[in-house]
Amino acid sequence: MTRPEEAEQAFRKGTNCCQAILVTYGPALGLDEATALRMGSGMGAGIGWTGRVCGAANGACLVLGLKYGATQRTGSREEALQKTREFLELFEKRVGSVDCLALMGCSLQQPAERAKAKEQGLYQTKCTRYVREAALILEEML
């Protein structure tokens, strides 16, 4: 099974979109699964249901930080920043936006909207695609 398939499977089994990326890519970069799950807990639905940056994109940016980030407080962050910007540009080009609200077409802040998204199968159709695209881009960048 490829890592993009693993990320999709993790999402389908109950992780949020950010967690799916983190549990798939984090271990190879020193991030244990329990920490990955905790780190990604509040990032779903565009960071705490705010509709901002997609959780799958957030997870991918965190993975890029694990790979390319500074290891000292005064270390250079240039490479991680460049890789993050590159990822976000590719993600937006492939799926149309980096913002969850725009991608989902509804606000997930309200319980009624979350229920409507679930009823319409948006998590399984749209979110699964965004997790897969984030993973495919990571495959190119790592």
C-alpha atoms as a PDB file:
ATOM      1  CA  MET A   1       0.000   0.000   0.000  1.00  0.00           C
ATOM      2  CA  THR A   2       1.335   3.443  -0.886  1.00  0.00           C
ATOM      3  CA  ARG A   3       1.536   6.218   1.677  1.00  0.00           C
ATOM      4  CA  PRO A   4      -1.229   8.227  -0.029  1.00  0.00           C
ATOM      5  CA  GLU A   5      -3.412   5.106   0.252  1.00  0.00           C
ATOM      6  CA  GLU A   6      -2.386   4.731   3.918  1.00  0.00           C
ATOM      7  CA  ALA A   7      -3.363   8.355   4.595  1.00  0.00           C
ATOM      8  CA  GLU A   8      -6.748   7.836   2.935  1.00  0.00           C
ATOM      9  CA  GLN A   9      -7.294   4.673   4.939  1.00  0.00           C
ATOM     10  CA  ALA A  10      -6.389   6.437   8.194  1.00  0.00           C
ATOM     11  CA  PHE A  11      -8.919   9.144   7.390  1.00  0.00           C
ATOM     12  CA  ARG A  12     -11.626   6.631   6.504  1.00  0.00           C
ATOM     13  CA  LYS A  13     -10.983   4.817   9.798  1.00  0.00           C
ATOM     14  CA  GLY A  14     -11.672   7.904  11.890  1.00  0.00           C
ATOM     15  CA  THR A  15      -8.715  10.261  12.100  1.00  0.00           C
ATOM     16  CA  ASN A  16      -9.293  13.818  11.019  1.00  0.00           C
ATOM     17  CA  CYS A  17      -7.598  15.016   7.834  1.00  0.00           C
ATOM     18  CA  CYS A  18      -4.557  16.468   9.603  1.00  0.00           C
ATOM     19  CA  GLN A  19      -4.087  13.390  11.759  1.00  0.00           C
ATOM     20  CA  ALA A  20      -4.275  11.150   8.688  1.00  0.00           C
ATOM     21  CA  ILE A  21      -1.296  12.926   7.153  1.00  0.00           C
ATOM     22  CA  LEU A  22       0.670  13.079  10.410  1.00  0.00           C
ATOM     23  CA  VAL A  23       0.246   9.395  11.325  1.00  0.00           C
ATOM     24  CA  THR A  24       1.241   8.381   7.816  1.00  0.00           C
ATOM     25  CA  TYR A  25       4.309  10.573   7.320  1.00  0.00           C
ATOM     26  CA  GLY A  26       5.391  11.451  10.845  1.00  0.00           C
ATOM     27  CA  PRO A  27       6.890   8.146  12.010  1.00  0.00           C
ATOM     28  CA  ALA A  28       9.582   8.130   9.303  1.00  0.00           C
ATOM     29  CA  LEU A  29      10.609  11.582  10.560  1.00  0.00           C
ATOM     30  CA  GLY A  30      10.684  10.704  14.267  1.00  0.00           C
ATOM     31  CA  LEU A  31       7.097  11.542  15.235  1.00  0.00           C
ATOM     32  CA  ASP A  32       5.369   8.748  17.130  1.00  0.00           C
ATOM     33  CA  GLU A  33       1.739   7.956  16.366  1.00  0.00           C
ATOM     34  CA  ALA A  34       0.313   9.047  19.733  1.00  0.00           C
ATOM     35  CA  THR A  35       1.986  12.462  19.458  1.00  0.00           C
ATOM     36  CA  ALA A  36       0.870  12.779  15.839  1.00  0.00           C
ATOM     37  CA  LEU A  37      -2.719  12.085  16.848  1.00  0.00           C
ATOM     38  CA  ARG A  38      -2.582  14.624  19.674  1.00  0.00           C
ATOM     39  CA  MET A  39      -0.900  17.272  17.494  1.00  0.00           C
ATOM     40  CA  GLY A  40      -3.503  16.954  14.774  1.00  0.00           C
ATOM     41  CA  SER A  41      -6.542  16.787  17.059  1.00  0.00           C
ATOM     42  CA  GLY A  42      -7.553  20.429  16.763  1.00  0.00           C
ATOM     43  CA  MET A  43      -6.618  20.942  13.143  1.00  0.00           C
ATOM     44  CA  GLY A  44      -9.588  19.313  11.401  1.00  0.00           C
ATOM     45  CA  ALA A  45     -12.246  21.316   9.576  1.00  0.00           C
ATOM     46  CA  GLY A  46      -9.874  24.159   8.903  1.00  0.00           C
ATOM     47  CA  ILE A  47      -8.251  24.536  12.344  1.00  0.00           C
ATOM     48  CA  GLY A  48     -10.817  24.020  15.051  1.00  0.00           C
ATOM     49  CA  TRP A  49     -13.855  24.112  12.747  1.00  0.00           C
ATOM     50  CA  THR A  50     -13.047  27.677  11.650  1.00  0.00           C
ATOM     51  CA  GLY A  51     -12.937  26.896   7.933  1.00  0.00           C
ATOM     52  CA  ARG A  52      -9.433  28.253   7.589  1.00  0.00           C
ATOM     53  CA  VAL A  53      -6.534  26.236   6.156  1.00  0.00           C
ATOM     54  CA  CYS A  54      -7.534  22.659   5.327  1.00  0.00           C
ATOM     55  CA  GLY A  55      -6.408  20.137   7.936  1.00  0.00           C
ATOM     56  CA  ALA A  56      -4.750  17.904   5.340  1.00  0.00           C
ATOM     57  CA  ALA A  57      -2.714  20.900   4.176  1.00  0.00           C
ATOM     58  CA  ASN A  58      -1.865  21.764   7.786  1.00  0.00           C
ATOM     59  CA  GLY A  59      -0.679  18.233   8.402  1.00  0.00           C
ATOM     60  CA  ALA A  60       1.460  18.303   5.295  1.00  0.00           C
ATOM     61  CA  CYS A  61       3.027  21.609   6.354  1.00  0.00           C
ATOM     62  CA  LEU A  62       3.871  20.106   9.748  1.00  0.00           C
ATOM     63  CA  VAL A  63       5.466  17.115   8.022  1.00  0.00           C
ATOM     64  CA  LEU A  64       7.538  19.475   5.879  1.00  0.00           C
ATOM     65  CA  GLY A  65       8.639  21.206   9.083  1.00  0.00           C
ATOM     66  CA  LEU A  66       9.737  17.853  10.487  1.00  0.00           C
ATOM     67  CA  LYS A  67      11.778  17.191   7.361  1.00  0.00           C
ATOM     68  CA  TYR A  68      13.171  20.626   6.543  1.00  0.00           C
ATOM     69  CA  GLY A  69      12.777  22.683   9.728  1.00  0.00           C
ATOM     70  CA  ALA A  70      15.457  24.241  11.853  1.00  0.00           C
ATOM     71  CA  THR A  71      16.834  22.052  14.627  1.00  0.00           C
ATOM     72  CA  GLN A  72      18.177  24.916  16.729  1.00  0.00           C
ATOM     73  CA  ARG A  73      16.388  27.979  18.056  1.00  0.00           C
ATOM     74  CA  THR A  74      18.521  30.262  15.941  1.00  0.00           C
ATOM     75  CA  GLY A  75      18.665  27.920  12.941  1.00  0.00           C
ATOM     76  CA  SER A  76      17.574  28.942   9.480  1.00  0.00           C
ATOM     77  CA  ARG A  77      13.897  28.486   8.736  1.00  0.00           C
ATOM     78  CA  GLU A  78      14.278  29.436   5.100  1.00  0.00           C
ATOM     79  CA  GLU A  79      14.066  25.940   3.617  1.00  0.00           C
ATOM     80  CA  ALA A  80      11.000  24.984   5.677  1.00  0.00           C
ATOM     81  CA  LEU A  81       9.265  28.239   4.757  1.00  0.00           C
ATOM     82  CA  GLN A  82      10.050  27.780   1.068  1.00  0.00           C
ATOM     83  CA  LYS A  83       8.829  24.161   1.087  1.00  0.00           C
ATOM     84  CA  THR A  84       5.651  25.148   2.928  1.00  0.00           C
ATOM     85  CA  ARG A  85       4.899  27.906   0.416  1.00  0.00           C
ATOM     86  CA  GLU A  86       5.599  25.498  -2.460  1.00  0.00           C
ATOM     87  CA  PHE A  87       3.261  22.904  -0.956  1.00  0.00           C
ATOM     88  CA  LEU A  88       0.442  25.417  -0.465  1.00  0.00           C
ATOM     89  CA  GLU A  89       0.764  26.665  -4.049  1.00  0.00           C
ATOM     90  CA  LEU A  90       0.620  23.115  -5.425  1.00  0.00           C
ATOM     91  CA  PHE A  91      -2.288  22.145  -3.182  1.00  0.00           C
ATOM     92  CA  GLU A  92      -4.302  25.205  -4.197  1.00  0.00           C
ATOM     93  CA  LYS A  93      -3.541  24.587  -7.871  1.00  0.00           C
ATOM     94  CA  ARG A  94      -4.720  20.967  -7.640  1.00  0.00           C
ATOM     95  CA  VAL A  95      -7.838  21.343  -5.505  1.00  0.00           C
ATOM     96  CA  GLY A  96      -8.833  24.990  -5.939  1.00  0.00           C
ATOM     97  CA  SER A  97      -8.120  26.473  -2.513  1.00  0.00           C
ATOM     98  CA  VAL A  98      -6.279  25.906   0.748  1.00  0.00           C
ATOM     99  CA  ASP A  99      -9.233  27.041   2.847  1.00  0.00           C
ATOM    100  CA  CYS A 100     -11.586  24.414   4.223  1.00  0.00           C
ATOM    101  CA  LEU A 101     -14.633  26.664   3.920  1.00  0.00           C
ATOM    102  CA  ALA A 102     -14.050  27.162   0.187  1.00  0.00           C
ATOM    103  CA  LEU A 103     -13.233  23.491  -0.347  1.00  0.00           C
ATOM    104  CA  MET A 104     -16.241  22.158   1.531  1.00  0.00           C
ATOM    105  CA  GLY A 105     -18.751  24.763   0.427  1.00  0.00           C
ATOM    106  CA  CYS A 106     -20.178  25.029   3.930  1.00  0.00           C
ATOM    107  CA  SER A 107     -19.148  26.260   7.360  1.00  0.00           C
ATOM    108  CA  LEU A 108     -18.306  23.427   9.711  1.00  0.00           C
ATOM    109  CA  GLN A 109     -18.405  25.708  12.765  1.00  0.00           C
ATOM    110  CA  GLN A 110     -22.098  25.073  13.263  1.00  0.00           C
ATOM    111  CA  PRO A 111     -23.253  21.612  14.371  1.00  0.00           C
ATOM    112  CA  ALA A 112     -26.107  21.728  11.843  1.00  0.00           C
ATOM    113  CA  GLU A 113     -23.648  22.393   8.995  1.00  0.00           C
ATOM    114  CA  ARG A 114     -21.369  19.563  10.169  1.00  0.00           C
ATOM    115  CA  ALA A 115     -24.367  17.232  10.261  1.00  0.00           C
ATOM    116  CA  LYS A 116     -25.386  18.374   6.772  1.00  0.00           C
ATOM    117  CA  ALA A 117     -21.844  17.759   5.465  1.00  0.00           C
ATOM    118  CA  LYS A 118     -21.888  14.286   6.986  1.00  0.00           C
ATOM    119  CA  GLU A 119     -25.351  13.549   5.595  1.00  0.00           C
ATOM    120  CA  GLN A 120     -24.237  14.632   2.114  1.00  0.00           C
ATOM    121  CA  GLY A 121     -21.109  12.477   2.340  1.00  0.00           C
ATOM    122  CA  LEU A 122     -18.776  15.453   1.935  1.00  0.00           C
ATOM    123  CA  TYR A 123     -16.174  14.055   4.321  1.00  0.00           C
ATOM    124  CA  GLN A 124     -15.924  10.831   2.368  1.00  0.00           C
ATOM    125  CA  THR A 125     -15.942  12.462  -1.054  1.00  0.00           C
ATOM    126  CA  LYS A 126     -14.255  15.823  -0.679  1.00  0.00           C
ATOM    127  CA  CYS A 127     -12.033  15.357   2.362  1.00  0.00           C
ATOM    128  CA  THR A 128     -10.722  12.007   1.184  1.00  0.00           C
ATOM    129  CA  ARG A 129      -9.627  13.716  -2.037  1.00  0.00           C
ATOM    130  CA  TYR A 130      -7.859  16.492  -0.114  1.00  0.00           C
ATOM    131  CA  VAL A 131      -6.028  13.983   2.094  1.00  0.00           C
ATOM    132  CA  ARG A 132      -4.937  12.064  -1.009  1.00  0.00           C
ATOM    133  CA  GLU A 133      -3.777  15.218  -2.830  1.00  0.00           C
ATOM    134  CA  ALA A 134      -1.830  16.426   0.202  1.00  0.00           C
ATOM    135  CA  ALA A 135      -0.143  13.019   0.418  1.00  0.00           C
ATOM    136  CA  LEU A 136       0.626  12.926  -3.297  1.00  0.00           C
ATOM    137  CA  ILE A 137       2.269  16.336  -3.082  1.00  0.00           C
ATOM    138  CA  LEU A 138       4.300  15.203  -0.069  1.00  0.00           C
ATOM    139  CA  GLU A 139       5.476  12.213  -2.066  1.00  0.00           C
ATOM    140  CA  GLU A 140       6.921  14.656  -4.597  1.00  0.00           C
ATOM    141  CA  MET A 141       8.495  16.930  -1.988  1.00  0.00           C
ATOM    142  CA  LEU A 142      10.051  14.556   0.549  1.00  0.00           C
END
